[in-house]
């Protein structure tokens, strides 16, 4: 009986020990993908507060703060009825990340596809604060090109 407990403890210890950096990165990517899915769902439900829950309090992107983000996204909601976000890949460096996505805004009158972060990047830059990922912006006061996760 004691031997079986010892074997079970050893197996559990080996399984826990095998959780390495790859698992941490996979978990981070899953969390960021979930945030983007939540943003698209909230957009489609016209839930601006749901979207804003994912913004960091220090959000700054190309000189715009969260107030401007709110205004811009309310305009998008008035113009488009549907947002689909396709995550292409995510770059992660420590507590920062950049999500490369294809964002498709649709309405009965028009469709606009943005390749992010190249076209705008408002929801492409992420920061992990106290273990939680948030949309963070590129932290730049001026417009500039694509940044790597470790550059902002």
Protein backbone atom coordinates (compact mmCIF):
# COMPACT_ATOMS: atom_id res chain seq x y z
CA UNK A 1 0.00 0.00 0.00
CA UNK A 2 2.75 2.43 0.93
CA UNK A 3 4.65 1.50 -2.20
CA UNK A 4 1.67 2.37 -4.41
CA UNK A 5 1.40 5.80 -2.73
CA UNK A 6 5.10 6.35 -3.30
CA UNK A 7 4.76 5.42 -6.98
CA UNK A 8 1.79 7.78 -7.40
CA UNK A 9 3.67 10.62 -5.72
CA UNK A 10 6.69 10.03 -7.97
CA UNK A 11 4.53 10.02 -11.10
CA UNK A 12 2.79 13.25 -10.08
CA UNK A 13 6.15 14.86 -9.27
CA UNK A 14 7.53 13.88 -12.68
CA UNK A 15 4.45 15.25 -14.44
CA UNK A 16 4.66 18.53 -12.56
CA UNK A 17 8.40 18.74 -13.21
CA UNK A 18 7.84 18.31 -16.94
CA UNK A 19 5.83 21.55 -17.10
CA UNK A 20 8.42 23.85 -18.59
CA UNK A 21 8.69 27.13 -20.40
CA UNK A 22 6.87 25.76 -23.44
CA UNK A 23 3.79 25.15 -21.32
CA UNK A 24 4.01 28.67 -19.89
CA UNK A 25 4.19 30.14 -23.39
CA UNK A 26 1.33 27.96 -24.60
CA UNK A 27 -0.76 29.09 -21.64
CA UNK A 28 0.06 32.75 -22.35
CA UNK A 29 -0.88 32.30 -26.02
CA UNK A 30 -4.15 30.63 -25.01
CA UNK A 31 -4.97 33.51 -22.63
CA UNK A 32 -4.26 36.13 -25.31
CA UNK A 33 -6.34 34.22 -27.87
CA UNK A 34 -9.18 34.07 -25.33
CA UNK A 35 -8.96 37.85 -24.81
CA UNK A 36 -9.18 38.45 -28.56
CA UNK A 37 -12.13 36.06 -28.79
CA UNK A 38 -13.82 37.94 -25.91
CA UNK A 39 -13.21 41.26 -27.66
CA UNK A 40 -14.79 40.02 -30.89
CA UNK A 41 -17.75 38.55 -28.99
CA UNK A 42 -18.21 41.75 -26.99
CA UNK A 43 -18.00 43.79 -30.19
CA UNK A 44 -20.67 41.65 -31.84
CA UNK A 45 -22.89 42.04 -28.75
CA UNK A 46 -22.17 45.82 -28.66
CA UNK A 47 -20.71 45.44 -25.15
CA UNK A 48 -18.11 48.21 -24.91
CA UNK A 49 -17.64 47.66 -21.19
CA UNK A 50 -16.70 44.04 -21.89
CA UNK A 51 -14.01 45.21 -24.31
CA UNK A 52 -12.71 47.86 -21.92
CA UNK A 53 -12.28 45.22 -19.18
CA UNK A 54 -9.37 43.88 -21.23
CA UNK A 55 -7.57 47.25 -21.46
CA UNK A 56 -4.73 48.00 -19.07
CA UNK A 57 -5.14 51.19 -17.05
CA UNK A 58 -1.93 52.51 -18.68
CA UNK A 59 -3.13 51.83 -22.24
CA UNK A 60 -1.32 54.05 -24.76
CA UNK A 61 -1.21 53.43 -28.49
CA UNK A 62 0.17 55.88 -31.05
CA UNK A 63 -0.51 58.80 -28.73
CA UNK A 64 -4.04 57.68 -27.84
CA UNK A 65 -5.17 56.66 -24.36
CA UNK A 66 -8.10 54.46 -23.31
CA UNK A 67 -10.54 57.39 -23.66
CA UNK A 68 -9.70 57.62 -27.38
CA UNK A 69 -9.82 53.82 -27.70
CA UNK A 70 -13.37 53.92 -26.31
CA UNK A 71 -14.42 56.62 -28.79
CA UNK A 72 -12.84 54.83 -31.75
CA UNK A 73 -14.41 51.48 -30.91
CA UNK A 74 -17.84 53.01 -30.35
CA UNK A 75 -17.49 54.44 -33.88
CA UNK A 76 -16.53 50.99 -35.18
CA UNK A 77 -19.58 49.51 -33.46
CA UNK A 78 -21.83 52.11 -35.08
CA UNK A 79 -20.33 51.42 -38.50
CA UNK A 80 -19.97 47.61 -38.39
CA UNK A 81 -22.17 44.87 -37.00
CA UNK A 82 -19.63 42.03 -36.89
CA UNK A 83 -15.97 41.57 -35.98
CA UNK A 84 -14.07 38.38 -36.72
CA UNK A 85 -10.49 38.08 -35.41
CA UNK A 86 -8.21 35.44 -36.89
CA UNK A 87 -5.04 35.02 -34.83
CA UNK A 88 -2.10 34.32 -37.14
CA UNK A 89 0.61 34.08 -34.48
CA UNK A 90 1.68 35.63 -31.20
CA UNK A 91 5.15 36.82 -30.22
CA UNK A 92 5.85 36.62 -26.49
CA UNK A 93 8.84 38.06 -24.65
CA UNK A 94 8.64 37.90 -20.84
CA UNK A 95 5.57 39.91 -19.81
CA UNK A 96 4.93 41.51 -23.21
CA UNK A 97 3.36 40.14 -26.36
CA UNK A 98 2.27 41.12 -29.85
CA UNK A 99 -0.65 39.36 -31.51
CA UNK A 100 -0.54 39.26 -35.30
CA UNK A 101 -4.13 39.02 -36.47
CA UNK A 102 -6.48 39.54 -39.36
CA UNK A 103 -9.45 41.58 -38.14
CA UNK A 104 -12.51 41.56 -40.38
CA UNK A 105 -15.12 44.24 -39.68
CA UNK A 106 -18.39 43.63 -41.55
CA UNK A 107 -21.74 45.30 -42.08
CA UNK A 108 -24.47 45.03 -44.69
CA UNK A 109 -22.82 47.87 -46.62
CA UNK A 110 -19.10 47.12 -46.37
CA UNK A 111 -16.29 44.89 -45.15
CA UNK A 112 -12.90 46.07 -43.97
CA UNK A 113 -10.00 43.70 -43.29
CA UNK A 114 -7.07 44.90 -41.20
CA UNK A 115 -3.78 43.03 -40.95
CA UNK A 116 -2.59 43.78 -37.45
CA UNK A 117 -0.45 45.21 -36.04
CA UNK A 118 0.67 46.69 -39.38
CA UNK A 119 -2.57 48.52 -40.22
CA UNK A 120 -3.39 49.92 -36.78
CA UNK A 121 -2.53 47.59 -33.89
CA UNK A 122 -4.95 48.95 -31.28
CA UNK A 123 -5.55 45.48 -29.82
CA UNK A 124 -2.25 43.86 -30.83
CA UNK A 125 0.05 44.78 -27.96
CA UNK A 126 -0.33 43.00 -24.62
CA UNK A 127 1.21 43.28 -21.17
CA UNK A 128 1.00 40.81 -18.29
CA UNK A 129 0.34 42.62 -15.02
CA UNK A 130 0.10 40.56 -11.81
CA UNK A 131 -0.38 37.38 -13.84
CA UNK A 132 -3.18 38.78 -16.04
CA UNK A 133 -2.78 39.73 -19.71
CA UNK A 134 -4.18 43.09 -20.82
CA UNK A 135 -4.34 45.01 -24.10
CA UNK A 136 -1.63 47.61 -23.55
CA UNK A 137 -1.03 49.50 -26.79
CA UNK A 138 2.45 50.10 -28.16
CA UNK A 139 3.21 52.65 -25.39
CA UNK A 140 4.26 55.26 -27.96
CA UNK A 141 3.21 58.91 -27.89
CA UNK A 142 3.81 59.17 -31.65
CA UNK A 143 2.86 57.06 -34.62
CA UNK A 144 5.58 54.61 -35.60
CA UNK A 145 5.91 51.25 -37.27
CA UNK A 146 5.52 47.74 -35.95
CA UNK A 147 7.40 47.04 -32.76
CA UNK A 148 8.68 43.78 -31.35
CA UNK A 149 7.28 42.70 -27.99
CA UNK A 150 10.52 43.57 -26.20
CA UNK A 151 10.85 47.06 -27.78
CA UNK A 152 7.96 48.80 -26.03
